[in-house]
Amino acid sequence: MAHGLVGVQDVGLEHKTHKTSYSLLLSIWTQRISKNLFKLIPCYIQSLLATRASLNEWRAFGKEFLHKGLAKNNKNVLAPLDVATSAGLVYTRADIPFFRDGHYINEKDIYIVGNPDLSRFELHHDNFGVGLQLNSTENNEIIYIDTALVQAGFVFHDEAEYIDHLHVTFQKLVAQGYNMIVKLHPAHFKSGVPAALNQLGIEICQNADFVSRLKKSTAAIVEPSSAAMIPALMGKPVLLAQYEKLSEQRYGAVLTNYPRARFLKDLEEITGVLETEYSELNHIAFKEWFNENSGPLPAEEMPHRVVQAVSIVIEEAKSFVKKVEC
């Protein structure tokens, strides 16, 4: 089962989805070396021995371990064969190719169950497309949606550099008459990032306030995060961050095809980018994108769809066993 919307990342091309920061990666490895050497690796080796794994399976384990260690994250690095499952569950139709082509699951066995983020952030039906009617420039608030790249060893050398990135963004927006608040990925809450942002006077947006603040906001600046779908489904302008340290950041088709998405390559040009976007607002294009990318609705019924999919898999397994016994 997917734990996010993969299609927000550029997984369809033969290059890395993120630029690796090898200095940060070394630091992460240093912190985790004891756990890897004395817990995780021995556990995998014991499992391979117990299951009498073939030479190819041992080779696949070594390859997977190497790719994880070097943060290989392009399409050419397929999932190991032993992750193949009876079925796959995805948020929306956009993720079917990723599961089908990269995880060895037949398309007929991939179930679209909906996006649980809609329920988590309490994005209700009456907020879908609300940004198309509310040309919110009075508040001049912009929400920055983070995806914890630094915690995964990508782009930034360390947390301090990422904090500086947010601080510079904040200062440049304030200088142009905007206020910025930050929606942090949960991975940051075990780090020093929240406290550092508080000291700099940068407000952190909580889950409970996310939709209400977006509703009043001018736009959202986003990294390739599943949470970026929330302002998009609300019909808000979404600025894909490609400035300074994020200049090489790529985004998946789910976001780049969003009619109100614009690449933000220079913070000094944000007002002009937004003015152009508002002048080219296309209601029909938004509706088409929404129908393709919202997933099954209502989102609150996502757990029931998961149960239905699992029930189908169980019944098919029972049927297979009966045929074998006959």
Protein backbone atom coordinates (compact mmCIF):
# COMPACT_ATOMS: atom_id res chain seq x y z
CA MET A 1 0.00 0.00 0.00
CA ALA A 2 1.30 3.42 -0.96
CA HIS A 3 1.96 5.75 1.98
CA GLY A 4 1.88 8.85 -0.20
CA LEU A 5 1.13 10.08 -3.71
CA VAL A 6 4.20 9.03 -5.69
CA GLY A 7 3.13 11.02 -8.75
CA VAL A 8 4.11 14.34 -7.16
CA GLN A 9 7.73 13.24 -7.72
CA ASP A 10 9.37 12.94 -11.13
CA VAL A 11 9.63 9.14 -11.08
CA GLY A 12 8.96 8.74 -14.79
CA LEU A 13 12.38 9.74 -16.10
CA GLU A 14 15.78 8.10 -16.02
CA HIS A 15 17.44 10.57 -13.68
CA LYS A 16 17.36 11.12 -9.96
CA THR A 17 14.21 12.62 -8.53
CA HIS A 18 16.33 14.59 -6.03
CA LYS A 19 19.90 15.87 -5.95
CA THR A 20 21.85 13.85 -3.38
CA SER A 21 23.85 15.65 -0.70
CA TYR A 22 26.67 13.19 -0.06
CA SER A 23 28.04 15.09 2.95
CA LEU A 24 24.62 14.88 4.60
CA LEU A 25 24.26 11.26 3.54
CA LEU A 26 27.57 10.44 5.25
CA SER A 27 26.32 12.14 8.41
CA ILE A 28 23.08 10.10 8.33
CA TRP A 29 25.03 6.88 7.80
CA THR A 30 27.30 7.72 10.72
CA GLN A 31 24.27 8.13 12.98
CA ARG A 32 22.74 4.84 11.83
CA ILE A 33 25.80 2.62 11.41
CA SER A 34 25.35 0.80 14.72
CA LYS A 35 21.68 0.00 14.02
CA ASN A 36 22.51 -1.23 10.51
CA LEU A 37 25.50 -3.36 11.49
CA PHE A 38 24.09 -4.98 14.62
CA LYS A 39 20.33 -5.12 13.99
CA LEU A 40 19.07 -4.63 10.44
CA ILE A 41 21.72 -6.36 8.34
CA PRO A 42 21.96 -9.44 10.64
CA CYS A 43 18.15 -9.71 10.57
CA TYR A 44 18.10 -9.76 6.76
CA ILE A 45 20.97 -12.24 6.59
CA GLN A 46 19.23 -14.55 9.06
CA SER A 47 16.05 -14.39 6.96
CA LEU A 48 17.94 -15.19 3.75
CA LEU A 49 19.60 -18.17 5.42
CA ALA A 50 16.35 -19.43 6.96
CA THR A 51 14.55 -19.29 3.62
CA ARG A 52 17.48 -20.87 1.75
CA ALA A 53 17.69 -17.91 -0.56
CA SER A 54 19.14 -18.37 -4.03
CA LEU A 55 22.31 -16.66 -5.24
CA ASN A 56 20.16 -14.19 -7.18
CA GLU A 57 18.28 -13.25 -4.00
CA TRP A 58 21.56 -12.66 -2.15
CA ARG A 59 22.73 -10.54 -5.07
CA ALA A 60 19.46 -8.58 -5.04
CA PHE A 61 19.87 -7.93 -1.31
CA GLY A 62 23.38 -6.57 -1.81
CA LYS A 63 22.23 -4.41 -4.71
CA GLU A 64 19.30 -3.03 -2.72
CA PHE A 65 21.53 -2.29 0.26
CA LEU A 66 24.02 -0.45 -1.96
CA HIS A 67 21.32 1.58 -3.68
CA LYS A 68 19.79 2.62 -0.37
CA GLY A 69 23.19 3.56 1.00
CA LEU A 70 24.01 5.73 -2.02
CA ALA A 71 20.48 7.20 -2.18
CA LYS A 72 19.82 5.86 -5.65
CA ASN A 73 16.38 7.14 -6.49
CA ASN A 74 15.76 6.98 -10.22
CA LYS A 75 13.37 4.88 -12.25
CA ASN A 76 16.03 2.43 -13.38
CA VAL A 77 16.41 1.15 -9.81
CA LEU A 78 13.48 -1.27 -9.61
CA ALA A 79 12.15 -2.66 -6.37
CA PRO A 80 13.53 -6.09 -5.36
CA LEU A 81 11.60 -9.06 -6.76
CA ASP A 82 10.63 -10.23 -3.28
CA VAL A 83 8.44 -7.15 -2.74
CA ALA A 84 5.97 -8.38 -5.37
CA THR A 85 2.54 -8.74 -3.76
CA SER A 86 -0.90 -10.06 -4.66
CA ALA A 87 -2.27 -6.54 -4.93
CA GLY A 88 -1.34 -2.91 -4.66
CA LEU A 89 -3.33 -0.03 -3.18
CA VAL A 90 -2.79 3.51 -4.48
CA TYR A 91 -4.31 6.91 -3.76
CA THR A 92 -5.17 7.86 -7.36
CA ARG A 93 -4.95 6.58 -10.92
CA ALA A 94 -1.70 8.51 -11.44
CA ASP A 95 0.28 5.99 -9.36
CA ILE A 96 -0.78 2.85 -11.24
CA PRO A 97 2.23 2.90 -13.65
CA PHE A 98 4.68 3.19 -10.74
CA PHE A 99 3.28 0.10 -9.01
CA ARG A 100 2.78 -1.82 -12.23
CA ASP A 101 6.18 -1.16 -13.77
CA GLY A 102 8.35 -0.89 -10.67
CA HIS A 103 6.77 -3.35 -8.23
CA TYR A 104 5.70 -6.25 -10.50
CA ILE A 105 1.96 -5.95 -9.77
CA ASN A 106 -0.56 -6.67 -12.54
CA GLU A 107 -2.64 -3.60 -13.33
CA LYS A 108 -5.87 -5.55 -12.71
CA ASP A 109 -4.65 -6.11 -9.14
CA ILE A 110 -4.04 -2.44 -8.39
CA TYR A 111 -6.88 -0.79 -6.47
CA ILE A 112 -7.47 2.96 -6.28
CA VAL A 113 -8.62 3.60 -2.71
CA GLY A 114 -8.45 7.38 -2.34
CA ASN A 115 -6.27 9.98 -0.66
CA PRO A 116 -6.32 9.78 3.18
CA ASP A 117 -4.65 13.20 3.43
CA LEU A 118 -8.00 14.77 2.60
CA SER A 119 -9.46 13.32 5.79
CA ARG A 120 -6.31 13.93 7.84
CA PHE A 121 -6.36 17.63 7.02
CA GLU A 122 -10.20 17.77 7.09
CA LEU A 123 -10.49 18.94 3.49
CA HIS A 124 -14.23 18.67 2.95
CA HIS A 125 -16.27 18.80 -0.24
CA ASP A 126 -17.20 22.48 0.14
CA ASN A 127 -13.50 23.44 0.00
CA PHE A 128 -12.80 21.73 -3.33
CA GLY A 129 -12.00 24.44 -5.89
CA VAL A 130 -12.63 27.23 -3.40
CA GLY A 131 -9.52 29.05 -4.59
CA LEU A 132 -11.09 29.59 -8.01
CA GLN A 133 -13.69 31.92 -6.53
CA LEU A 134 -11.57 33.56 -3.82
CA ASN A 135 -8.90 35.72 -5.43
CA SER A 136 -7.18 36.06 -2.05
CA THR A 137 -4.60 38.80 -2.32
CA GLU A 138 -5.72 40.82 0.69
CA ASN A 139 -4.11 38.52 3.25
CA ASN A 140 -0.90 38.21 1.22
CA GLU A 141 -0.04 35.02 3.10
CA ILE A 142 1.95 32.29 1.39
CA ILE A 143 2.30 28.77 2.80
CA TYR A 144 5.57 26.93 2.19
CA ILE A 145 4.99 23.15 2.06
CA ASP A 146 8.11 21.15 2.92
CA THR A 147 8.87 17.48 2.20
CA ALA A 148 11.86 16.87 4.53
CA LEU A 149 14.48 16.55 1.78
CA VAL A 150 17.24 17.30 4.26
CA GLN A 151 16.16 14.44 6.54
CA ALA A 152 16.57 11.99 3.64
CA GLY A 153 20.03 13.22 2.59
CA PHE A 154 18.91 15.30 -0.38
CA VAL A 155 19.79 18.76 -1.72
CA PHE A 156 20.99 20.48 1.47
CA HIS A 157 24.29 19.83 3.26
CA ASP A 158 22.72 19.92 6.73
CA GLU A 159 19.77 21.21 8.74
CA ALA A 160 21.42 24.61 9.20
CA GLU A 161 21.56 25.12 5.44
CA TYR A 162 17.90 24.17 5.08
CA ILE A 163 16.88 26.51 7.89
CA ASP A 164 18.84 29.28 6.14
CA HIS A 165 16.96 28.45 2.91
CA LEU A 166 13.63 28.95 4.68
CA HIS A 167 14.87 32.11 6.43
CA VAL A 168 16.03 33.69 3.16
CA THR A 169 12.71 32.77 1.54
CA PHE A 170 10.84 34.32 4.46
CA GLN A 171 12.87 37.55 4.34
CA LYS A 172 12.48 37.99 0.58
CA LEU A 173 8.73 37.44 0.77
CA VAL A 174 8.35 39.89 3.66
CA ALA A 175 10.31 42.48 1.67
CA GLN A 176 7.68 42.18 -1.07
CA GLY A 177 4.72 42.50 1.30
CA TYR A 178 3.98 38.82 1.90
CA ASN A 179 3.85 36.79 5.10
CA MET A 180 5.12 33.20 5.01
CA ILE A 181 4.20 30.28 7.24
CA VAL A 182 5.72 26.81 6.92
CA LYS A 183 3.96 23.44 6.81
CA LEU A 184 6.67 21.02 7.95
CA HIS A 185 6.90 17.33 7.09
CA PRO A 186 6.49 15.17 10.26
CA ALA A 187 10.11 13.94 9.90
CA HIS A 188 11.31 17.35 11.09
CA PHE A 189 9.68 17.10 14.48
CA LYS A 190 12.49 14.87 15.74
CA SER A 191 15.00 17.48 14.62
CA GLY A 192 15.97 21.00 15.63
CA VAL A 193 14.18 22.61 12.67
CA PRO A 194 10.92 23.64 14.42
CA ALA A 195 12.72 25.33 17.32
CA ALA A 196 15.08 27.14 14.94
CA LEU A 197 12.17 28.47 12.86
CA ASN A 198 10.40 29.69 16.00
CA GLN A 199 13.52 31.61 17.02
CA LEU A 200 13.60 33.25 13.59
CA GLY A 201 9.97 34.33 13.92
CA ILE A 202 8.71 31.96 11.21
CA GLU A 203 5.31 30.51 12.08
CA ILE A 204 4.74 26.76 11.70
CA CYS A 205 1.35 25.74 10.35
CA GLN A 206 -0.32 22.92 12.30
CA ASN A 207 -2.40 20.19 10.66
CA ALA A 208 -5.62 21.47 12.24
CA ASP A 209 -5.10 24.92 10.69
CA PHE A 210 -3.75 23.83 7.32
CA VAL A 211 -6.95 24.07 5.25
CA SER A 212 -8.26 27.22 6.94
CA ARG A 213 -4.95 29.04 6.41
CA LEU A 214 -4.77 27.84 2.80
CA LYS A 215 -8.30 29.05 2.20
CA LYS A 216 -7.25 32.61 3.05
CA SER A 217 -3.81 32.41 1.44
CA THR A 218 -2.55 33.92 -1.78
CA ALA A 219 -0.64 30.82 -2.88
CA ALA A 220 1.50 27.89 -1.75
CA ILE A 221 5.19 27.36 -2.47
CA VAL A 222 5.78 23.62 -2.57
CA GLU A 223 8.44 20.97 -2.68
CA PRO A 224 7.41 17.59 -4.22
CA SER A 225 5.17 16.59 -1.32
CA SER A 226 1.88 14.70 -1.15
CA ALA A 227 0.63 17.60 0.98
CA ALA A 228 0.98 19.85 -2.08
CA MET A 229 -2.19 18.18 -3.34
CA ILE A 230 -4.25 19.96 -0.68
CA PRO A 231 -3.85 23.52 -2.07
CA ALA A 232 -4.14 22.08 -5.60
CA LEU A 233 -7.46 20.36 -4.89
CA MET A 234 -8.62 23.63 -3.31
CA GLY A 235 -7.84 25.41 -6.58
CA LYS A 236 -5.06 27.57 -5.15
CA PRO A 237 -2.00 28.73 -7.12
CA VAL A 238 0.85 26.28 -6.51
CA LEU A 239 4.41 27.55 -7.01
CA LEU A 240 6.88 24.73 -7.66
CA ALA A 241 10.10 25.74 -5.90
CA GLN A 242 13.03 25.80 -8.32
CA TYR A 243 15.08 28.65 -6.91
CA GLU A 244 18.53 28.76 -5.34
CA LYS A 245 19.34 25.38 -3.70
CA LEU A 246 16.19 23.89 -5.24
CA SER A 247 17.05 25.05 -8.77
CA GLU A 248 17.48 21.44 -9.99
CA GLN A 249 14.44 20.08 -8.19
CA ARG A 250 12.06 18.16 -10.43
CA TYR A 251 8.35 17.53 -10.04
CA GLY A 252 5.98 14.80 -11.20
CA ALA A 253 3.24 15.15 -13.78
CA VAL A 254 0.54 15.27 -11.11
CA LEU A 255 1.84 18.71 -10.08
CA THR A 256 3.26 20.01 -13.36
CA ASN A 257 -0.05 19.28 -15.12
CA TYR A 258 -2.02 21.16 -12.47
CA PRO A 259 -3.47 24.20 -14.35
CA ARG A 260 -2.57 26.65 -11.56
CA ALA A 261 1.00 25.41 -11.10
CA ARG A 262 3.92 27.70 -11.97
CA PHE A 263 7.64 27.15 -11.60
CA LEU A 264 9.18 29.64 -9.17
CA LYS A 265 12.77 30.19 -10.25
CA ASP A 266 13.34 33.60 -8.65
CA LEU A 267 11.71 34.83 -5.45
CA GLU A 268 11.97 38.42 -6.68
CA GLU A 269 9.54 37.56 -9.47
CA ILE A 270 6.82 36.02 -7.30
CA THR A 271 4.34 38.90 -7.72
CA GLY A 272 4.66 38.79 -11.50
CA VAL A 273 4.30 35.00 -11.55
CA LEU A 274 1.10 35.22 -9.48
CA GLU A 275 -0.36 38.02 -11.59
CA THR A 276 0.21 35.96 -14.74
CA GLU A 277 -1.32 32.90 -13.12
CA TYR A 278 -4.44 34.74 -11.98
CA SER A 279 -4.90 36.27 -15.44
CA GLU A 280 -4.79 32.80 -17.08
CA LEU A 281 -7.19 31.06 -14.69
CA ASN A 282 -9.01 28.25 -16.52
CA HIS A 283 -11.98 26.71 -14.69
CA ILE A 284 -12.51 23.92 -17.23
CA ALA A 285 -8.87 22.81 -17.10
CA PHE A 286 -9.03 22.74 -13.31
CA LYS A 287 -12.15 20.57 -13.32
CA GLU A 288 -10.53 18.07 -15.71
CA TRP A 289 -7.37 17.88 -13.58
CA PHE A 290 -9.43 17.54 -10.39
CA ASN A 291 -11.48 14.63 -11.75
CA GLU A 292 -8.29 12.82 -12.73
CA ASN A 293 -6.32 13.43 -9.52
CA SER A 294 -8.70 13.70 -6.57
CA GLY A 295 -9.07 9.94 -6.21
CA PRO A 296 -12.36 8.27 -5.22
CA LEU A 297 -14.62 10.46 -3.10
CA PRO A 298 -15.68 10.87 -0.39
CA ALA A 299 -12.19 10.48 1.05
CA GLU A 300 -13.63 9.39 4.41
CA GLU A 301 -14.58 6.05 2.84
CA MET A 302 -10.96 5.23 2.00
CA PRO A 303 -10.66 2.66 4.85
CA HIS A 304 -13.72 0.82 3.52
CA ARG A 305 -12.18 0.66 0.04
CA VAL A 306 -9.01 -0.81 1.55
CA VAL A 307 -11.05 -3.50 3.33
CA GLN A 308 -12.92 -4.29 0.11
CA ALA A 309 -9.63 -4.70 -1.79
CA VAL A 310 -8.18 -6.97 0.90
CA SER A 311 -11.38 -9.03 0.93
CA ILE A 312 -11.11 -9.56 -2.82
CA VAL A 313 -7.50 -10.73 -2.46
CA ILE A 314 -8.50 -13.18 0.29
CA GLU A 315 -11.38 -14.61 -1.76
CA GLU A 316 -9.14 -15.00 -4.81
CA ALA A 317 -6.56 -16.81 -2.68
CA LYS A 318 -9.22 -19.17 -1.32
CA SER A 319 -10.44 -19.86 -4.85
CA PHE A 320 -6.88 -20.61 -5.99
CA VAL A 321 -6.32 -23.05 -3.12
CA LYS A 322 -9.57 -24.90 -3.95
CA LYS A 323 -8.51 -25.27 -7.60
CA VAL A 324 -5.11 -26.65 -6.55
CA GLU A 325 -6.75 -29.12 -4.15
CA CYS A 326 -9.08 -30.33 -6.90
